[in-house]
Amino acid sequence: MSDLSSSTISRTPICRLPPEILQKIFLQASQLAFSSPWRLSAVCRLFRDIIFQTPSIWANLDIGPTRSAVFPHPELLRLWRSRLKDRKGNLSVSLAPWVKQETVDAVVAEAASIGFLSFFDRPMVLLASNFPHLVELRMGHFRSSWEAICRLNHDEVTELIDLHCSLPAPSQTGYLNLGERFPALKVLHIHQIPLPTLLFLANTPQFPPLQELCVHSKTNVWLLISTLCKDSLRKLTIRHNCAESSFHREISSSLRLAKLTSLTYICTLSPEFDPESLVFPNLITPQLDYYHQESPFHTEFAHRDLSTATHIVWAGKGSVQWRQIPSVIKIEILHRDIDMLRSSFLELAENPDQCRELRDVVLGVDGYLMEELRPLAERILEILKDRSIRLELRPGLVSKDAGCFTYKERSDLIHNCYEEDENTDTTHDVDCCFCYICRSRRALRGALERAKLLRAAIPHPTSEDDDISELLGLLDGEITMGY
């Protein structure tokens, strides 16, 4: 303390930290809340100087659905870009549902500064624009909560109907060339966007050399998109919500993904879907290192080429197929059948030549089964005493597919604006970008009551019978827009 100057001693404790430490703290805060630079700069002159001397602090901007009288969204976007000192490709922009057209126009105008973009509305407008330095793109489709719809005025409801009850025209495929418009794109996340838009992506004349692809859909369109970047793809995540067996015919051809090192397959089925008709395509993955599968209907690994995988995450129905994973070093298992787990490890003990490199085992079960799992864990260690294995117990699934989000705004805005598909199991996908309000009682009101409330919220509707019935179908999940 004696080495500190009198001016430093008079400061508050946090201000006594070296400026480079405060800079790192502010950088971390800006990633958690985009408004933190604005607020921190108002604390004191020291904070303000540090923030304005660190342009990268202004790299994240989340634009919510609410309007601001002080700073309209276009001005806010220009302000953030100017604080970045016009550094190209360093701005991350996340657009909430219901952003206005003027906001979308402002994003297109600042395209050269944007390196990360996520959005829900107007996909064809943004996909048809040039983003020369965009590295990561995340786009999604949303369903509106009923409470949020009731707060809209007539113009906003009309705009919502226009957004979600009209599909892109086939003539729009001519200008959708991702290879030219997104030349630097490396990461693409697609979350249940309408099927026509998916098909446009799959049929683009040129496609950027993606390294990471995440597709959340009800069809096998992900396979078509993977084919376009098969020589560069390193990480592939498939979140499959199966609804119609007609989309899941057997695919005879094989797809070679020479550089793929990480494959995640998360599958949920609707009650009317026949699991027997679900066929996983034949992927050839000579460099695969990580494989993650969550599927309550599969009794074995959906992907066959697992000979090189060293890290396996398995949440399935049957026993572990040890012969398929000879190189495994770490395996994480979520299982509800204690007897099946026991038989799996007994099989491993009886075949000492299998999985000789196995060193880490993580067992995850539902919380109420933890006490039953402890004796099993002791038994597993006993039967595998000849191997140097570290065993860990955890409640629930351990390695969720992290980073699967689109709109980064947190708090109540999330729960009021969009929701996950109705067929998704909330116990497995709580980390996904969409939230789960569709199961709330308020969302289960009768269609007649909702129609009355909606008509009351629209003073002068046009084509009210068609528009309202279509909008109600979106709200209730009665139509799926083909994604």
Protein backbone atom coordinates (compact mmCIF):
# COMPACT_ATOMS: atom_id res chain seq x y z
CA MET A 1 0.00 0.00 0.00
CA SER A 2 2.91 2.34 0.68
CA ASP A 3 3.89 2.17 -2.99
CA LEU A 4 0.54 3.54 -4.13
CA SER A 5 0.15 7.20 -4.91
CA SER A 6 -2.20 9.34 -2.87
CA SER A 7 -4.55 9.68 -5.84
CA THR A 8 -4.80 5.89 -6.15
CA ILE A 9 -5.41 5.41 -2.42
CA SER A 10 -8.31 7.85 -2.55
CA ARG A 11 -10.10 5.77 -5.16
CA THR A 12 -12.74 3.16 -4.50
CA PRO A 13 -11.36 -0.40 -4.22
CA ILE A 14 -12.25 -1.44 -7.78
CA CYS A 15 -10.63 1.68 -9.23
CA ARG A 16 -7.36 0.71 -7.58
CA LEU A 17 -7.04 -2.17 -10.01
CA PRO A 18 -4.62 -1.64 -12.90
CA PRO A 19 -6.30 -0.30 -16.06
CA GLU A 20 -5.46 -3.46 -18.01
CA ILE A 21 -7.35 -5.56 -15.43
CA LEU A 22 -10.36 -3.25 -15.57
CA GLN A 23 -10.22 -3.47 -19.34
CA LYS A 24 -10.50 -7.28 -19.22
CA ILE A 25 -13.40 -7.02 -16.76
CA PHE A 26 -15.23 -4.58 -19.02
CA LEU A 27 -14.64 -6.79 -22.06
CA GLN A 28 -16.21 -9.73 -20.25
CA ALA A 29 -19.15 -7.58 -19.13
CA SER A 30 -19.78 -6.40 -22.70
CA GLN A 31 -20.19 -10.01 -23.82
CA LEU A 32 -22.83 -10.65 -21.15
CA ALA A 33 -24.85 -7.45 -21.67
CA PHE A 34 -24.47 -5.22 -24.70
CA SER A 35 -25.50 -2.08 -22.72
CA SER A 36 -22.66 -2.45 -20.20
CA PRO A 37 -20.24 -0.08 -22.06
CA TRP A 38 -22.87 2.64 -22.03
CA ARG A 39 -23.62 2.19 -18.34
CA LEU A 40 -20.02 1.71 -17.20
CA SER A 41 -18.88 4.84 -19.01
CA ALA A 42 -21.27 6.85 -16.82
CA VAL A 43 -19.75 5.62 -13.54
CA CYS A 44 -16.65 7.79 -13.41
CA ARG A 45 -14.03 9.44 -15.59
CA LEU A 46 -11.60 6.53 -15.17
CA PHE A 47 -14.15 4.01 -16.43
CA ARG A 48 -15.08 6.29 -19.29
CA ASP A 49 -11.46 6.71 -20.39
CA ILE A 50 -10.83 2.96 -20.32
CA ILE A 51 -13.99 2.18 -22.27
CA PHE A 52 -13.36 4.75 -24.98
CA GLN A 53 -9.75 3.59 -25.32
CA THR A 54 -10.93 0.00 -25.92
CA PRO A 55 -12.96 -0.16 -29.15
CA SER A 56 -13.57 -3.92 -28.86
CA ILE A 57 -15.78 -3.29 -25.81
CA TRP A 58 -18.39 -1.97 -28.26
CA ALA A 59 -18.38 -5.16 -30.33
CA ASN A 60 -21.75 -6.63 -29.19
CA LEU A 61 -25.18 -5.18 -29.87
CA ASP A 62 -28.54 -6.84 -29.12
CA ILE A 63 -31.52 -5.08 -30.69
CA GLY A 64 -34.75 -5.96 -28.94
CA PRO A 65 -38.33 -5.76 -30.20
CA THR A 66 -39.18 -2.63 -28.17
CA ARG A 67 -38.69 0.85 -29.56
CA SER A 68 -36.57 3.55 -27.96
CA ALA A 69 -37.54 7.20 -28.20
CA VAL A 70 -34.05 8.34 -27.14
CA PHE A 71 -32.03 6.13 -29.49
CA PRO A 72 -33.91 4.52 -32.39
CA HIS A 73 -32.35 1.26 -33.50
CA PRO A 74 -30.63 2.64 -36.64
CA GLU A 75 -28.94 5.38 -34.61
CA LEU A 76 -27.95 2.88 -31.94
CA LEU A 77 -26.34 0.69 -34.58
CA ARG A 78 -24.42 3.61 -36.07
CA LEU A 79 -23.27 4.67 -32.59
CA TRP A 80 -21.89 1.23 -31.77
CA ARG A 81 -20.14 1.02 -35.13
CA SER A 82 -18.53 4.44 -34.67
CA ARG A 83 -17.24 3.47 -31.21
CA LEU A 84 -15.60 0.43 -32.84
CA LYS A 85 -13.49 2.88 -34.87
CA ASP A 86 -14.84 1.47 -38.16
CA ARG A 87 -13.07 -1.86 -37.63
CA LYS A 88 -14.42 -4.16 -40.31
CA GLY A 89 -16.04 -7.42 -39.31
CA ASN A 90 -15.80 -6.87 -35.54
CA LEU A 91 -19.42 -5.98 -34.74
CA SER A 92 -21.80 -8.68 -33.45
CA VAL A 93 -25.49 -7.89 -34.02
CA SER A 94 -28.42 -9.91 -32.67
CA LEU A 95 -31.89 -8.96 -33.88
CA ALA A 96 -34.97 -9.93 -31.90
CA PRO A 97 -38.26 -10.91 -33.53
CA TRP A 98 -40.45 -8.03 -34.71
CA VAL A 99 -37.64 -5.60 -35.49
CA LYS A 100 -38.82 -2.88 -37.85
CA GLN A 101 -37.84 -2.62 -41.49
CA GLU A 102 -35.79 0.51 -40.78
CA THR A 103 -33.66 -1.56 -38.38
CA VAL A 104 -33.07 -4.22 -41.03
CA ASP A 105 -32.11 -1.49 -43.52
CA ALA A 106 -29.63 -0.08 -41.00
CA VAL A 107 -28.06 -3.53 -40.53
CA VAL A 108 -27.65 -3.88 -44.30
CA ALA A 109 -26.10 -0.40 -44.47
CA GLU A 110 -23.52 -1.36 -41.81
CA ALA A 111 -22.85 -4.79 -43.33
CA ALA A 112 -19.12 -4.18 -43.76
CA SER A 113 -18.69 -3.82 -39.98
CA ILE A 114 -20.61 -6.96 -39.02
CA GLY A 115 -18.84 -10.23 -38.28
CA PHE A 116 -21.67 -11.96 -36.37
CA LEU A 117 -25.37 -11.70 -37.22
CA SER A 118 -28.42 -13.46 -35.82
CA PHE A 119 -32.02 -12.76 -36.77
CA PHE A 120 -35.54 -14.20 -36.96
CA ASP A 121 -37.50 -12.04 -39.40
CA ARG A 122 -37.17 -11.21 -43.11
CA PRO A 123 -34.63 -13.90 -43.98
CA MET A 124 -34.79 -13.25 -47.72
CA VAL A 125 -34.01 -9.54 -47.26
CA LEU A 126 -30.88 -10.20 -45.21
CA LEU A 127 -29.74 -13.25 -47.18
CA ALA A 128 -29.94 -11.23 -50.39
CA SER A 129 -27.60 -8.54 -48.98
CA ASN A 130 -23.82 -8.45 -49.10
CA PHE A 131 -21.92 -9.07 -45.84
CA PRO A 132 -18.26 -9.22 -46.92
CA HIS A 133 -16.78 -9.82 -43.44
CA LEU A 134 -19.53 -11.92 -41.85
CA VAL A 135 -18.01 -14.98 -40.15
CA GLU A 136 -20.99 -16.34 -38.20
CA LEU A 137 -24.68 -16.31 -39.19
CA ARG A 138 -27.56 -17.60 -37.06
CA MET A 139 -31.14 -17.45 -38.24
CA GLY A 140 -34.32 -18.78 -36.75
CA HIS A 141 -38.08 -18.89 -37.03
CA PHE A 142 -40.29 -18.01 -34.07
CA ARG A 143 -43.85 -18.48 -32.87
CA SER A 144 -45.42 -15.62 -31.01
CA SER A 145 -46.74 -15.99 -27.50
CA TRP A 146 -50.39 -15.09 -27.20
CA GLU A 147 -49.81 -12.53 -24.47
CA ALA A 148 -47.35 -10.66 -26.70
CA ILE A 149 -49.76 -10.69 -29.66
CA CYS A 150 -52.52 -9.12 -27.58
CA ARG A 151 -50.29 -6.12 -26.84
CA LEU A 152 -49.74 -5.29 -30.52
CA ASN A 153 -51.56 -2.53 -32.35
CA HIS A 154 -53.23 -2.94 -35.75
CA ASP A 155 -50.15 -2.09 -37.84
CA GLU A 156 -47.92 -4.47 -35.89
CA VAL A 157 -50.40 -7.35 -36.17
CA THR A 158 -50.71 -6.74 -39.91
CA GLU A 159 -46.93 -6.77 -40.25
CA LEU A 160 -46.71 -9.98 -38.24
CA ILE A 161 -49.22 -11.65 -40.56
CA ASP A 162 -47.24 -10.47 -43.60
CA LEU A 163 -44.02 -11.86 -42.12
CA HIS A 164 -45.24 -15.33 -41.22
CA CYS A 165 -48.15 -16.06 -43.54
CA SER A 166 -46.33 -15.39 -46.80
CA LEU A 167 -43.59 -17.56 -48.27
CA PRO A 168 -40.75 -16.36 -50.52
CA ALA A 169 -41.44 -16.50 -54.24
CA PRO A 170 -39.44 -18.95 -56.37
CA SER A 171 -38.10 -16.03 -58.41
CA GLN A 172 -36.06 -14.94 -55.39
CA THR A 173 -33.59 -17.80 -55.80
CA GLY A 174 -31.81 -15.91 -58.57
CA TYR A 175 -30.12 -13.43 -56.27
CA LEU A 176 -29.55 -15.78 -53.32
CA ASN A 177 -25.89 -16.64 -53.83
CA LEU A 178 -24.28 -17.13 -50.42
CA GLY A 179 -20.82 -17.72 -51.84
CA GLU A 180 -20.72 -14.21 -53.29
CA ARG A 181 -22.68 -12.41 -50.57
CA PHE A 182 -21.02 -14.12 -47.56
CA PRO A 183 -17.48 -14.94 -48.76
CA ALA A 184 -15.99 -15.06 -45.22
CA LEU A 185 -18.78 -17.14 -43.63
CA LYS A 186 -17.47 -20.01 -41.48
CA VAL A 187 -20.31 -20.74 -39.01
CA LEU A 188 -23.99 -21.18 -39.95
CA HIS A 189 -26.82 -21.99 -37.52
CA ILE A 190 -30.31 -22.59 -38.93
CA HIS A 191 -33.17 -23.00 -36.44
CA GLN A 192 -36.47 -24.19 -37.93
CA ILE A 193 -36.77 -21.64 -40.68
CA PRO A 194 -39.49 -22.28 -43.32
CA LEU A 195 -38.77 -25.13 -45.71
CA PRO A 196 -38.72 -22.93 -48.87
CA THR A 197 -35.90 -20.85 -47.36
CA LEU A 198 -34.04 -24.04 -46.46
CA LEU A 199 -34.38 -25.25 -50.04
CA PHE A 200 -33.12 -21.91 -51.33
CA LEU A 201 -30.02 -22.32 -49.16
CA ALA A 202 -29.52 -25.87 -50.37
CA ASN A 203 -29.75 -24.80 -54.03
CA THR A 204 -27.62 -21.66 -53.95
CA PRO A 205 -25.23 -21.50 -56.96
CA GLN A 206 -22.20 -21.03 -54.71
CA PHE A 207 -21.77 -21.88 -51.04
CA PRO A 208 -19.13 -20.54 -48.64
CA PRO A 209 -16.62 -23.05 -47.19
CA LEU A 210 -18.31 -23.54 -43.82
CA GLN A 211 -16.41 -25.02 -40.89
CA GLU A 212 -19.40 -25.31 -38.54
CA LEU A 213 -23.03 -26.08 -39.42
CA CYS A 214 -25.99 -26.44 -37.06
CA VAL A 215 -29.40 -27.27 -38.55
CA HIS A 216 -32.58 -27.54 -36.47
CA SER A 217 -35.41 -28.78 -38.69
CA LYS A 218 -38.01 -31.47 -39.31
CA THR A 219 -36.54 -32.69 -42.59
CA ASN A 220 -33.31 -34.09 -44.00
CA VAL A 221 -32.49 -30.82 -45.77
CA TRP A 222 -29.41 -30.58 -43.54
CA LEU A 223 -27.86 -33.31 -45.68
CA LEU A 224 -28.19 -31.21 -48.84
CA ILE A 225 -26.55 -28.23 -47.15
CA SER A 226 -23.76 -30.42 -45.73
CA THR A 227 -23.01 -31.65 -49.24
CA LEU A 228 -22.29 -28.09 -50.37
CA CYS A 229 -19.50 -27.67 -47.80
CA LYS A 230 -18.38 -31.28 -47.40
CA ASP A 231 -14.69 -30.51 -48.05
CA SER A 232 -14.39 -27.85 -45.32
CA LEU A 233 -16.91 -28.84 -42.63
CA ARG A 234 -15.38 -29.58 -39.21
CA LYS A 235 -18.37 -29.47 -36.86
CA LEU A 236 -21.91 -30.63 -37.69
CA THR A 237 -24.90 -30.39 -35.33
CA ILE A 238 -28.27 -31.87 -36.31
CA ARG A 239 -31.29 -31.11 -34.16
CA HIS A 240 -33.99 -33.26 -35.72
CA ASN A 241 -37.68 -32.78 -34.86
CA CYS A 242 -39.31 -35.57 -36.84
CA ALA A 243 -42.94 -35.01 -37.75
CA GLU A 244 -43.71 -36.72 -41.04
CA SER A 245 -42.31 -40.04 -42.18
CA SER A 246 -42.49 -38.94 -45.82
CA PHE A 247 -39.44 -36.76 -45.23
CA HIS A 248 -37.33 -39.67 -44.00
CA ARG A 249 -36.89 -42.04 -46.90
CA GLU A 250 -33.74 -44.11 -46.94
CA ILE A 251 -30.81 -42.35 -48.59
CA SER A 252 -28.68 -44.76 -50.60
CA SER A 253 -25.74 -42.49 -51.41
CA SER A 254 -22.88 -41.84 -48.99
CA LEU A 255 -21.47 -38.46 -48.02
CA ARG A 256 -17.79 -38.14 -47.19
CA LEU A 257 -16.92 -35.39 -44.70
CA ALA A 258 -13.14 -35.63 -44.76
CA LYS A 259 -12.39 -32.91 -42.18
CA LEU A 260 -15.31 -33.44 -39.79
CA THR A 261 -14.12 -33.81 -36.18
CA SER A 262 -17.37 -33.18 -34.24
CA LEU A 263 -20.84 -34.62 -34.91
CA THR A 264 -23.92 -34.01 -32.75
CA TYR A 265 -27.26 -35.69 -33.45
CA ILE A 266 -30.27 -34.73 -31.29
CA CYS A 267 -33.54 -36.33 -32.34
CA THR A 268 -37.07 -35.94 -30.98
CA LEU A 269 -40.19 -37.50 -32.49
CA SER A 270 -43.81 -36.45 -32.47
CA PRO A 271 -46.27 -39.04 -31.06
CA GLU A 272 -47.63 -39.92 -34.51
CA PHE A 273 -44.20 -40.53 -36.03
CA ASP A 274 -43.04 -44.08 -36.68
CA PRO A 275 -39.45 -44.54 -35.39
CA GLU A 276 -38.95 -47.46 -37.77
CA SER A 277 -39.02 -45.07 -40.73
CA LEU A 278 -36.20 -42.91 -39.40
CA VAL A 279 -32.96 -43.63 -41.27
CA PHE A 280 -29.71 -41.80 -40.59
CA PRO A 281 -27.70 -41.08 -43.76
CA ASN A 282 -24.43 -42.88 -44.36
CA LEU A 283 -21.69 -40.40 -43.43
CA ILE A 284 -18.01 -41.23 -43.90
CA THR A 285 -15.99 -39.38 -41.25
CA PRO A 286 -12.32 -40.51 -41.18
CA GLN A 287 -11.25 -37.79 -38.69
CA LEU A 288 -14.22 -37.83 -36.31
CA ASP A 289 -13.13 -37.21 -32.70
CA TYR A 290 -16.34 -36.19 -30.87
CA TYR A 291 -19.78 -37.79 -31.23
CA HIS A 292 -22.88 -36.69 -29.30
CA GLN A 293 -26.25 -38.45 -29.68
CA GLU A 294 -29.53 -37.81 -27.87
CA SER A 295 -32.37 -39.97 -29.11
CA PRO A 296 -34.85 -41.77 -26.85
CA PHE A 297 -35.90 -44.02 -29.77
CA HIS A 298 -32.53 -45.30 -30.97
CA THR A 299 -31.21 -48.52 -29.43
CA GLU A 300 -27.78 -48.05 -31.02
CA PHE A 301 -25.59 -45.35 -32.48
CA ALA A 302 -27.25 -43.67 -35.46
CA HIS A 303 -23.87 -42.88 -37.01
CA ARG A 304 -21.88 -45.98 -37.95
CA ASP A 305 -18.41 -44.61 -38.61
CA LEU A 306 -17.18 -44.14 -35.02
CA SER A 307 -13.89 -46.01 -35.16
CA THR A 308 -11.81 -42.84 -34.63
CA ALA A 309 -14.02 -41.11 -32.02
CA THR A 310 -12.33 -40.56 -28.64
CA HIS A 311 -15.16 -38.69 -26.87
CA ILE A 312 -18.69 -40.14 -26.92
CA VAL A 313 -21.89 -38.69 -25.42
CA TRP A 314 -24.73 -41.22 -25.51
CA ALA A 315 -28.33 -40.63 -24.41
CA GLY A 316 -30.26 -43.49 -25.93
CA LYS A 317 -32.47 -46.45 -25.27
CA GLY A 318 -30.26 -49.54 -25.60
CA SER A 319 -26.92 -50.71 -24.31
CA VAL A 320 -23.62 -49.19 -25.39
CA GLN A 321 -22.21 -50.74 -28.57
CA TRP A 322 -18.57 -50.97 -27.45
CA ARG A 323 -17.40 -52.61 -30.67
CA GLN A 324 -18.30 -49.48 -32.63
CA ILE A 325 -16.11 -47.20 -30.49
CA PRO A 326 -12.70 -48.93 -30.17
CA SER A 327 -10.79 -45.64 -29.77
CA VAL A 328 -12.97 -44.07 -27.07
CA ILE A 329 -11.12 -42.36 -24.20
CA LYS A 330 -14.06 -40.63 -22.53
CA ILE A 331 -17.72 -41.65 -22.60
CA GLU A 332 -20.69 -39.83 -21.05
CA ILE A 333 -23.90 -41.81 -20.71
CA LEU A 334 -27.41 -40.63 -19.84
CA HIS A 335 -29.68 -43.59 -19.23
CA ARG A 336 -32.91 -44.25 -17.35
CA ASP A 337 -32.46 -48.03 -17.24
CA ILE A 338 -30.08 -49.04 -14.45
CA ASP A 339 -30.13 -52.70 -15.53
CA MET A 340 -29.16 -51.75 -19.08
CA LEU A 341 -26.22 -49.73 -17.77
CA ARG A 342 -25.09 -52.67 -15.65
CA SER A 343 -25.24 -55.10 -18.57
CA SER A 344 -23.29 -52.68 -20.79
CA PHE A 345 -20.34 -52.56 -18.41
CA LEU A 346 -20.50 -56.28 -17.70
CA GLU A 347 -20.11 -56.81 -21.43
CA LEU A 348 -17.08 -54.51 -21.42
CA ALA A 349 -15.52 -56.44 -18.52
CA GLU A 350 -16.03 -59.75 -20.31
CA ASN A 351 -14.24 -58.43 -23.40
CA PRO A 352 -10.93 -56.98 -22.16
CA ASP A 353 -9.71 -56.30 -25.70
CA GLN A 354 -12.46 -53.75 -26.32
CA CYS A 355 -11.93 -50.02 -25.66
CA ARG A 356 -8.49 -50.41 -24.12
CA GLU A 357 -7.96 -46.63 -24.15
CA LEU A 358 -11.06 -45.87 -22.05
CA ARG A 359 -10.09 -43.66 -19.08
CA ASP A 360 -13.10 -41.50 -18.16
CA VAL A 361 -16.71 -42.58 -17.60
CA VAL A 362 -19.43 -40.10 -16.66
CA LEU A 363 -22.86 -41.48 -15.77
CA GLY A 364 -25.84 -39.16 -15.76
CA VAL A 365 -29.37 -40.08 -14.73
CA ASP A 366 -32.47 -38.26 -13.58
CA GLY A 367 -32.03 -36.83 -10.10
CA TYR A 368 -34.40 -39.27 -8.41
CA LEU A 369 -32.27 -42.21 -9.62
CA MET A 370 -29.00 -40.94 -8.20
CA GLU A 371 -29.18 -43.07 -5.05
CA GLU A 372 -29.80 -46.19 -7.15
CA LEU A 373 -26.86 -45.32 -9.35
CA ARG A 374 -24.28 -45.15 -6.56
CA PRO A 375 -24.20 -48.94 -5.90
CA LEU A 376 -23.95 -49.47 -9.65
CA ALA A 377 -20.97 -47.11 -9.84
CA GLU A 378 -19.18 -49.10 -7.15
CA ARG A 379 -19.97 -52.29 -9.03
CA ILE A 380 -18.63 -50.84 -12.28
CA LEU A 381 -15.35 -49.85 -10.63
CA GLU A 382 -15.08 -53.34 -9.19
CA ILE A 383 -15.63 -55.18 -12.46
CA LEU A 384 -13.28 -52.80 -14.29
CA LYS A 385 -10.58 -52.83 -11.62
CA ASP A 386 -8.00 -53.99 -14.15
CA ARG A 387 -8.40 -50.70 -16.02
CA SER A 388 -7.39 -47.25 -14.78
CA ILE A 389 -10.82 -45.67 -15.12
CA ARG A 390 -12.09 -42.52 -13.46
CA LEU A 391 -15.86 -42.66 -12.88
CA GLU A 392 -18.08 -39.67 -12.14
CA LEU A 393 -21.79 -39.40 -11.34
CA ARG A 394 -23.86 -36.39 -12.35
CA PRO A 395 -27.59 -35.67 -12.43
CA GLY A 396 -28.91 -35.20 -15.94
CA LEU A 397 -27.02 -34.99 -19.21
CA VAL A 398 -23.53 -33.68 -18.81
CA SER A 399 -22.30 -32.43 -22.17
CA LYS A 400 -25.15 -30.49 -23.68
CA ASP A 401 -24.73 -28.96 -27.10
CA ALA A 402 -23.53 -25.60 -25.82
CA GLY A 403 -23.64 -22.44 -27.90
CA CYS A 404 -26.88 -23.25 -29.66
CA PHE A 405 -28.59 -19.88 -29.51
CA THR A 406 -29.63 -17.13 -31.85
CA TYR A 407 -30.98 -14.09 -30.04
CA LYS A 408 -28.71 -13.17 -27.14
CA GLU A 409 -31.10 -10.87 -25.28
CA ARG A 410 -31.97 -12.34 -21.89
CA SER A 411 -34.67 -11.52 -19.28
CA ASP A 412 -38.41 -11.46 -19.95
CA LEU A 413 -38.05 -10.47 -23.61
CA ILE A 414 -37.09 -14.04 -24.43
CA HIS A 415 -40.20 -15.50 -22.86
CA ASN A 416 -42.46 -13.01 -24.60
CA CYS A 417 -41.10 -13.30 -28.12
CA TYR A 418 -40.36 -16.80 -29.25
CA GLU A 419 -40.59 -20.42 -28.24
CA GLU A 420 -39.27 -23.86 -29.04
CA ASP A 421 -41.01 -26.38 -31.24
CA GLU A 422 -43.87 -28.12 -29.48
CA ASN A 423 -42.36 -31.58 -29.97
CA THR A 424 -39.10 -30.86 -28.13
CA ASP A 425 -38.44 -32.50 -24.78
CA THR A 426 -37.70 -29.72 -22.29
CA THR A 427 -35.56 -31.99 -20.11
CA HIS A 428 -32.97 -32.28 -22.87
CA ASP A 429 -32.96 -28.99 -24.77
CA VAL A 430 -33.12 -26.31 -22.09
CA ASP A 431 -29.93 -24.75 -23.48
CA CYS A 432 -31.40 -24.10 -26.90
CA CYS A 433 -32.09 -20.60 -28.16
CA PHE A 434 -35.87 -20.95 -28.05
CA CYS A 435 -37.84 -21.05 -24.79
CA TYR A 436 -40.75 -23.24 -23.77
CA ILE A 437 -43.86 -21.24 -23.13
CA CYS A 438 -46.04 -23.30 -25.46
CA ARG A 439 -46.86 -25.67 -22.61
CA SER A 440 -48.15 -22.95 -20.30
CA ARG A 441 -51.85 -22.97 -19.51
CA ARG A 442 -52.32 -19.51 -20.93
CA ALA A 443 -51.17 -20.78 -24.34
CA LEU A 444 -53.85 -23.48 -24.24
CA ARG A 445 -56.88 -21.21 -24.31
CA GLY A 446 -59.68 -22.15 -26.62
CA ALA A 447 -59.45 -21.04 -30.23
CA LEU A 448 -62.75 -19.19 -29.98
CA GLU A 449 -61.61 -17.11 -27.02
CA ARG A 450 -58.36 -16.25 -28.79
CA ALA A 451 -60.16 -15.26 -31.95
CA LYS A 452 -62.39 -12.87 -30.01
CA LEU A 453 -59.43 -11.28 -28.26
CA LEU A 454 -57.49 -10.92 -31.48
CA ARG A 455 -60.38 -9.33 -33.33
CA ALA A 456 -60.73 -6.88 -30.47
CA ALA A 457 -57.07 -5.96 -30.85
CA ILE A 458 -57.49 -5.26 -34.59
CA PRO A 459 -59.87 -2.34 -35.18
CA HIS A 460 -60.02 -2.69 -38.97
CA PRO A 461 -58.70 -6.07 -40.09
CA THR A 462 -58.41 -6.92 -43.77
CA SER A 463 -59.40 -10.39 -44.95
CA GLU A 464 -59.99 -11.13 -41.30
CA ASP A 465 -61.20 -14.68 -41.73
CA ASP A 466 -58.10 -15.89 -43.59
CA ASP A 467 -55.57 -13.79 -41.68
CA ILE A 468 -56.89 -14.57 -38.22
CA SER A 469 -57.27 -18.29 -38.83
CA GLU A 470 -53.73 -18.47 -40.21
CA LEU A 471 -52.30 -16.45 -37.35
CA LEU A 472 -54.14 -18.58 -34.79
CA GLY A 473 -52.68 -21.64 -36.44
CA LEU A 474 -49.21 -20.20 -35.93
CA LEU A 475 -49.90 -19.34 -32.31
CA ASP A 476 -51.30 -22.76 -31.47
CA GLY A 477 -48.75 -24.76 -33.43
CA GLU A 478 -51.51 -26.10 -35.67
CA ILE A 479 -49.52 -25.31 -38.81
CA THR A 480 -45.77 -25.62 -39.11
CA MET A 481 -44.99 -23.46 -42.17
CA GLY A 482 -43.19 -26.45 -43.64
CA TYR A 483 -39.88 -26.21 -41.78
